[in-house]
């Protein structure tokens, strides 16, 4: 392919991704200025979603707010990889310059599991999730309710994060444990 054809293909891809961002704003999602939205992105209750400028959502991302009271805030200059699901009952906040690799699952709620009552009749318990600025979450990691991830932290691929992660910590494993600090 010639360089001119490559530039036209890139321009078309970017223009289409910006058009999808514009359409999401039209549906009630706030922000996303100069953002890019891939094909197949699904947003339930877009009025509860705020996404900062220049953030990119790759294809097949699902921002799953369970009702109109749920809130999801994503900072600017972020990246949300292909197939990420963010499942929000009450509140999830993600800072600026956060990189979320493909296949990550983030949730702020879990089912109650008392004995003697059917699980599907018990409802959910919710605790906010807060991910600070400059965080990298590796592919297929899982972030569970009530977790706070500190600035500059790195979450290893496939990790299951069940408790808070201090700033500049590198964690991995199931459940996630601190491997070292970023220097």
C-alpha atoms as a PDB file:
ATOM      1  CA  UNK A   1       0.000   0.000   0.000  1.00  0.00           C
ATOM      2  CA  UNK A   2       1.205   3.459  -0.735  1.00  0.00           C
ATOM      3  CA  UNK A   3       1.698   5.940   2.098  1.00  0.00           C
ATOM      4  CA  UNK A   4      -1.230   8.068   0.863  1.00  0.00           C
ATOM      5  CA  UNK A   5      -3.631   5.120   1.003  1.00  0.00           C
ATOM      6  CA  UNK A   6      -2.435   4.260   4.537  1.00  0.00           C
ATOM      7  CA  UNK A   7      -3.049   7.867   5.633  1.00  0.00           C
ATOM      8  CA  UNK A   8      -6.572   7.754   4.151  1.00  0.00           C
ATOM      9  CA  UNK A   9      -7.328   4.464   5.914  1.00  0.00           C
ATOM     10  CA  UNK A  10      -6.084   5.887   9.246  1.00  0.00           C
ATOM     11  CA  UNK A  11      -8.096   9.073   8.715  1.00  0.00           C
ATOM     12  CA  UNK A  12     -11.228   7.020   7.995  1.00  0.00           C
ATOM     13  CA  UNK A  13     -10.721   4.864  11.089  1.00  0.00           C
ATOM     14  CA  UNK A  14     -10.198   7.909  13.316  1.00  0.00           C
ATOM     15  CA  UNK A  15     -13.133   9.790  11.793  1.00  0.00           C
ATOM     16  CA  UNK A  16     -15.427   6.804  12.376  1.00  0.00           C
ATOM     17  CA  UNK A  17     -14.204   6.415  15.985  1.00  0.00           C
ATOM     18  CA  UNK A  18     -14.786  10.141  16.627  1.00  0.00           C
ATOM     19  CA  UNK A  19     -18.270   9.869  15.104  1.00  0.00           C
ATOM     20  CA  UNK A  20     -19.089   7.039  17.555  1.00  0.00           C
ATOM     21  CA  UNK A  21     -17.900   9.278  20.435  1.00  0.00           C
ATOM     22  CA  UNK A  22     -20.122  12.073  19.165  1.00  0.00           C
ATOM     23  CA  UNK A  23     -23.077   9.668  19.009  1.00  0.00           C
ATOM     24  CA  UNK A  24     -22.450   8.539  22.604  1.00  0.00           C
ATOM     25  CA  UNK A  25     -22.482  12.175  23.724  1.00  0.00           C
ATOM     26  CA  UNK A  26     -25.786  12.557  21.895  1.00  0.00           C
ATOM     27  CA  UNK A  27     -27.178   9.659  23.931  1.00  0.00           C
ATOM     28  CA  UNK A  28     -26.247  11.401  27.196  1.00  0.00           C
ATOM     29  CA  UNK A  29     -22.672  10.361  27.944  1.00  0.00           C
ATOM     30  CA  UNK A  30     -20.710  13.439  29.024  1.00  0.00           C
ATOM     31  CA  UNK A  31     -17.194  14.268  27.864  1.00  0.00           C
ATOM     32  CA  UNK A  32     -15.338  12.162  25.296  1.00  0.00           C
ATOM     33  CA  UNK A  33     -14.049  15.270  23.514  1.00  0.00           C
ATOM     34  CA  UNK A  34     -11.488  14.179  20.935  1.00  0.00           C
ATOM     35  CA  UNK A  35     -12.049  10.637  22.212  1.00  0.00           C
ATOM     36  CA  UNK A  36     -12.115   7.492  20.107  1.00  0.00           C
ATOM     37  CA  UNK A  37     -14.808   4.820  20.385  1.00  0.00           C
ATOM     38  CA  UNK A  38     -14.392   1.445  18.693  1.00  0.00           C
ATOM     39  CA  UNK A  39     -17.022  -0.695  17.018  1.00  0.00           C
ATOM     40  CA  UNK A  40     -19.386  -2.656  19.234  1.00  0.00           C
ATOM     41  CA  UNK A  41     -18.957  -0.458  22.322  1.00  0.00           C
ATOM     42  CA  UNK A  42     -22.042  -0.794  24.527  1.00  0.00           C
ATOM     43  CA  UNK A  43     -23.057   1.750  27.173  1.00  0.00           C
ATOM     44  CA  UNK A  44     -26.061   1.060  29.412  1.00  0.00           C
ATOM     45  CA  UNK A  45     -27.533   4.228  30.988  1.00  0.00           C
ATOM     46  CA  UNK A  46     -25.147   6.655  29.240  1.00  0.00           C
ATOM     47  CA  UNK A  47     -26.418   9.584  31.358  1.00  0.00           C
ATOM     48  CA  UNK A  48     -24.459   8.092  34.275  1.00  0.00           C
ATOM     49  CA  UNK A  49     -21.167   8.006  32.347  1.00  0.00           C
ATOM     50  CA  UNK A  50     -18.554  10.765  32.191  1.00  0.00           C
ATOM     51  CA  UNK A  51     -15.399  10.204  30.116  1.00  0.00           C
ATOM     52  CA  UNK A  52     -12.528  12.682  29.891  1.00  0.00           C
ATOM     53  CA  UNK A  53     -11.060  14.097  26.720  1.00  0.00           C
ATOM     54  CA  UNK A  54      -8.776  12.082  24.459  1.00  0.00           C
ATOM     55  CA  UNK A  55      -9.747   8.776  26.062  1.00  0.00           C
ATOM     56  CA  UNK A  56      -9.929   5.761  23.768  1.00  0.00           C
ATOM     57  CA  UNK A  57     -12.369   2.855  24.070  1.00  0.00           C
ATOM     58  CA  UNK A  58     -11.416  -0.060  21.850  1.00  0.00           C
ATOM     59  CA  UNK A  59     -14.016  -2.319  20.277  1.00  0.00           C
ATOM     60  CA  UNK A  60     -16.463  -4.432  22.282  1.00  0.00           C
ATOM     61  CA  UNK A  61     -16.078  -2.485  25.551  1.00  0.00           C
ATOM     62  CA  UNK A  62     -19.173  -2.750  27.779  1.00  0.00           C
ATOM     63  CA  UNK A  63     -19.866   0.019  30.275  1.00  0.00           C
ATOM     64  CA  UNK A  64     -22.640  -1.760  32.171  1.00  0.00           C
ATOM     65  CA  UNK A  65     -24.438   0.557  34.571  1.00  0.00           C
ATOM     66  CA  UNK A  66     -27.210  -1.440  36.257  1.00  0.00           C
ATOM     67  CA  UNK A  67     -29.624   1.488  36.679  1.00  0.00           C
ATOM     68  CA  UNK A  68     -29.987   5.240  36.225  1.00  0.00           C
ATOM     69  CA  UNK A  69     -28.449   5.999  39.657  1.00  0.00           C
ATOM     70  CA  UNK A  70     -25.121   4.255  38.902  1.00  0.00           C
ATOM     71  CA  UNK A  71     -22.127   6.485  38.082  1.00  0.00           C
ATOM     72  CA  UNK A  72     -18.957   5.816  36.099  1.00  0.00           C
ATOM     73  CA  UNK A  73     -16.243   8.462  35.793  1.00  0.00           C
ATOM     74  CA  UNK A  74     -13.242   7.935  33.522  1.00  0.00           C
ATOM     75  CA  UNK A  75     -10.472  10.544  33.362  1.00  0.00           C
ATOM     76  CA  UNK A  76      -8.725  12.012  30.374  1.00  0.00           C
ATOM     77  CA  UNK A  77      -6.004  10.486  28.199  1.00  0.00           C
ATOM     78  CA  UNK A  78      -7.104   6.990  29.186  1.00  0.00           C
ATOM     79  CA  UNK A  79      -7.193   3.744  27.252  1.00  0.00           C
ATOM     80  CA  UNK A  80      -9.762   0.983  27.689  1.00  0.00           C
ATOM     81  CA  UNK A  81      -8.851  -2.154  25.751  1.00  0.00           C
ATOM     82  CA  UNK A  82     -10.934  -4.504  23.672  1.00  0.00           C
ATOM     83  CA  UNK A  83     -13.556  -6.522  25.541  1.00  0.00           C
ATOM     84  CA  UNK A  84     -13.254  -4.691  28.879  1.00  0.00           C
ATOM     85  CA  UNK A  85     -16.393  -4.837  31.047  1.00  0.00           C
ATOM     86  CA  UNK A  86     -17.021  -2.292  33.792  1.00  0.00           C
ATOM     87  CA  UNK A  87     -20.084  -3.355  35.805  1.00  0.00           C
ATOM     88  CA  UNK A  88     -21.396  -0.515  38.001  1.00  0.00           C
ATOM     89  CA  UNK A  89     -24.114  -0.655  40.645  1.00  0.00           C
ATOM     90  CA  UNK A  90     -23.239   2.574  42.503  1.00  0.00           C
ATOM     91  CA  UNK A  91     -19.827   4.175  41.737  1.00  0.00           C
ATOM     92  CA  UNK A  92     -16.629   3.435  39.831  1.00  0.00           C
ATOM     93  CA  UNK A  93     -14.072   6.187  39.245  1.00  0.00           C
ATOM     94  CA  UNK A  94     -10.999   5.886  37.053  1.00  0.00           C
ATOM     95  CA  UNK A  95      -8.328   8.610  36.955  1.00  0.00           C
ATOM     96  CA  UNK A  96      -6.338  10.264  34.183  1.00  0.00           C
ATOM     97  CA  UNK A  97      -3.752   8.428  32.050  1.00  0.00           C
ATOM     98  CA  UNK A  98      -5.055   4.989  33.100  1.00  0.00           C
ATOM     99  CA  UNK A  99      -4.325   2.073  30.772  1.00  0.00           C
ATOM    100  CA  UNK A 100      -6.751  -0.846  30.961  1.00  0.00           C
ATOM    101  CA  UNK A 101      -5.663  -3.828  28.860  1.00  0.00           C
ATOM    102  CA  UNK A 102      -8.042  -6.121  26.951  1.00  0.00           C
ATOM    103  CA  UNK A 103     -10.419  -8.419  28.808  1.00  0.00           C
ATOM    104  CA  UNK A 104     -10.315  -6.650  32.195  1.00  0.00           C
ATOM    105  CA  UNK A 105     -13.402  -6.902  34.445  1.00  0.00           C
ATOM    106  CA  UNK A 106     -14.126  -4.191  37.038  1.00  0.00           C
ATOM    107  CA  UNK A 107     -17.145  -4.324  39.363  1.00  0.00           C
ATOM    108  CA  UNK A 108     -18.355  -2.440  42.424  1.00  0.00           C
ATOM    109  CA  UNK A 109     -20.849  -5.072  43.593  1.00  0.00           C
ATOM    110  CA  UNK A 110     -21.285  -8.717  44.453  1.00  0.00           C
ATOM    111  CA  UNK A 111     -24.226 -10.967  45.333  1.00  0.00           C
ATOM    112  CA  UNK A 112     -25.120 -11.553  48.976  1.00  0.00           C
ATOM    113  CA  UNK A 113     -24.770 -15.218  49.987  1.00  0.00           C
ATOM    114  CA  UNK A 114     -26.572 -15.792  53.293  1.00  0.00           C
ATOM    115  CA  UNK A 115     -27.511 -19.383  54.047  1.00  0.00           C
ATOM    116  CA  UNK A 116     -31.158 -20.417  53.921  1.00  0.00           C
ATOM    117  CA  UNK A 117     -32.203 -17.790  51.340  1.00  0.00           C
ATOM    118  CA  UNK A 118     -32.019 -18.276  47.603  1.00  0.00           C
ATOM    119  CA  UNK A 119     -29.008 -16.367  46.289  1.00  0.00           C
ATOM    120  CA  UNK A 120     -30.967 -14.711  43.502  1.00  0.00           C
ATOM    121  CA  UNK A 121     -33.431 -13.358  46.080  1.00  0.00           C
ATOM    122  CA  UNK A 122     -30.795 -11.650  48.238  1.00  0.00           C
ATOM    123  CA  UNK A 123     -29.722  -8.711  46.121  1.00  0.00           C
ATOM    124  CA  UNK A 124     -26.241  -7.253  45.997  1.00  0.00           C
ATOM    125  CA  UNK A 125     -23.760  -5.519  48.267  1.00  0.00           C
ATOM    126  CA  UNK A 126     -21.937  -2.588  46.709  1.00  0.00           C
ATOM    127  CA  UNK A 127     -18.723  -0.714  47.560  1.00  0.00           C
ATOM    128  CA  UNK A 128     -17.150   1.955  45.347  1.00  0.00           C
ATOM    129  CA  UNK A 129     -14.061   1.258  43.261  1.00  0.00           C
ATOM    130  CA  UNK A 130     -11.495   4.025  42.836  1.00  0.00           C
ATOM    131  CA  UNK A 131      -8.565   3.787  40.435  1.00  0.00           C
ATOM    132  CA  UNK A 132      -6.144   6.713  40.730  1.00  0.00           C
ATOM    133  CA  UNK A 133      -4.150   8.410  37.950  1.00  0.00           C
ATOM    134  CA  UNK A 134      -1.303   6.741  36.031  1.00  0.00           C
ATOM    135  CA  UNK A 135      -2.359   3.123  36.643  1.00  0.00           C
ATOM    136  CA  UNK A 136      -1.795   0.187  34.296  1.00  0.00           C
ATOM    137  CA  UNK A 137      -4.152  -2.795  34.600  1.00  0.00           C
ATOM    138  CA  UNK A 138      -2.898  -5.881  32.738  1.00  0.00           C
ATOM    139  CA  UNK A 139      -4.939  -8.128  30.455  1.00  0.00           C
ATOM    140  CA  UNK A 140      -7.790 -10.125  31.972  1.00  0.00           C
ATOM    141  CA  UNK A 141      -7.289  -8.737  35.489  1.00  0.00           C
ATOM    142  CA  UNK A 142     -10.323  -8.554  37.790  1.00  0.00           C
ATOM    143  CA  UNK A 143     -10.949  -5.624  40.157  1.00  0.00           C
ATOM    144  CA  UNK A 144     -13.522  -6.407  42.867  1.00  0.00           C
ATOM    145  CA  UNK A 145     -15.813  -4.173  44.996  1.00  0.00           C
ATOM    146  CA  UNK A 146     -14.390  -1.694  47.496  1.00  0.00           C
ATOM    147  CA  UNK A 147     -10.893  -1.666  46.001  1.00  0.00           C
ATOM    148  CA  UNK A 148      -8.812   1.518  45.833  1.00  0.00           C
ATOM    149  CA  UNK A 149      -5.821   1.412  43.496  1.00  0.00           C
ATOM    150  CA  UNK A 150      -3.175   4.046  44.233  1.00  0.00           C
ATOM    151  CA  UNK A 151      -1.471   6.373  41.796  1.00  0.00           C
ATOM    152  CA  UNK A 152       1.194   4.741  39.624  1.00  0.00           C
ATOM    153  CA  UNK A 153       0.228   1.160  40.500  1.00  0.00           C
ATOM    154  CA  UNK A 154       0.613  -1.736  38.062  1.00  0.00           C
ATOM    155  CA  UNK A 155      -1.804  -4.678  38.147  1.00  0.00           C
ATOM    156  CA  UNK A 156      -0.389  -7.823  36.531  1.00  0.00           C
ATOM    157  CA  UNK A 157      -2.204  -9.747  33.827  1.00  0.00           C
ATOM    158  CA  UNK A 158      -4.789 -12.162  35.216  1.00  0.00           C
ATOM    159  CA  UNK A 159      -4.590 -10.746  38.753  1.00  0.00           C
ATOM    160  CA  UNK A 160      -7.664 -10.760  40.976  1.00  0.00           C
ATOM    161  CA  UNK A 161      -7.554  -7.616  43.117  1.00  0.00           C
ATOM    162  CA  UNK A 162      -9.539  -8.111  46.332  1.00  0.00           C
ATOM    163  CA  UNK A 163      -8.033  -5.344  48.507  1.00  0.00           C
ATOM    164  CA  UNK A 164      -6.476  -1.900  48.186  1.00  0.00           C
ATOM    165  CA  UNK A 165      -3.238  -1.439  46.234  1.00  0.00           C
ATOM    166  CA  UNK A 166      -0.798   1.195  47.506  1.00  0.00           C
ATOM    167  CA  UNK A 167       0.587   3.795  45.115  1.00  0.00           C
ATOM    168  CA  UNK A 168       3.483   2.707  42.892  1.00  0.00           C
ATOM    169  CA  UNK A 169       2.970  -0.943  43.862  1.00  0.00           C
ATOM    170  CA  UNK A 170       3.253  -3.762  41.341  1.00  0.00           C
ATOM    171  CA  UNK A 171       0.807  -6.571  42.159  1.00  0.00           C
ATOM    172  CA  UNK A 172      -0.025  -9.917  40.547  1.00  0.00           C
ATOM    173  CA  UNK A 173      -1.608 -13.256  41.355  1.00  0.00           C
ATOM    174  CA  UNK A 174      -4.856 -14.691  42.658  1.00  0.00           C
ATOM    175  CA  UNK A 175      -5.495 -13.030  45.018  1.00  0.00           C
ATOM    176  CA  UNK A 176      -3.197 -10.172  44.002  1.00  0.00           C
ATOM    177  CA  UNK A 177      -0.122  -9.640  46.200  1.00  0.00           C
ATOM    178  CA  UNK A 178       2.567  -6.975  46.114  1.00  0.00           C
ATOM    179  CA  UNK A 179       5.625  -8.063  44.115  1.00  0.00           C
ATOM    180  CA  UNK A 180       7.603  -4.850  44.394  1.00  0.00           C
ATOM    181  CA  UNK A 181       7.439  -1.051  44.300  1.00  0.00           C
ATOM    182  CA  UNK A 182       8.052   1.055  41.202  1.00  0.00           C
ATOM    183  CA  UNK A 183      11.210   3.079  41.659  1.00  0.00           C
END
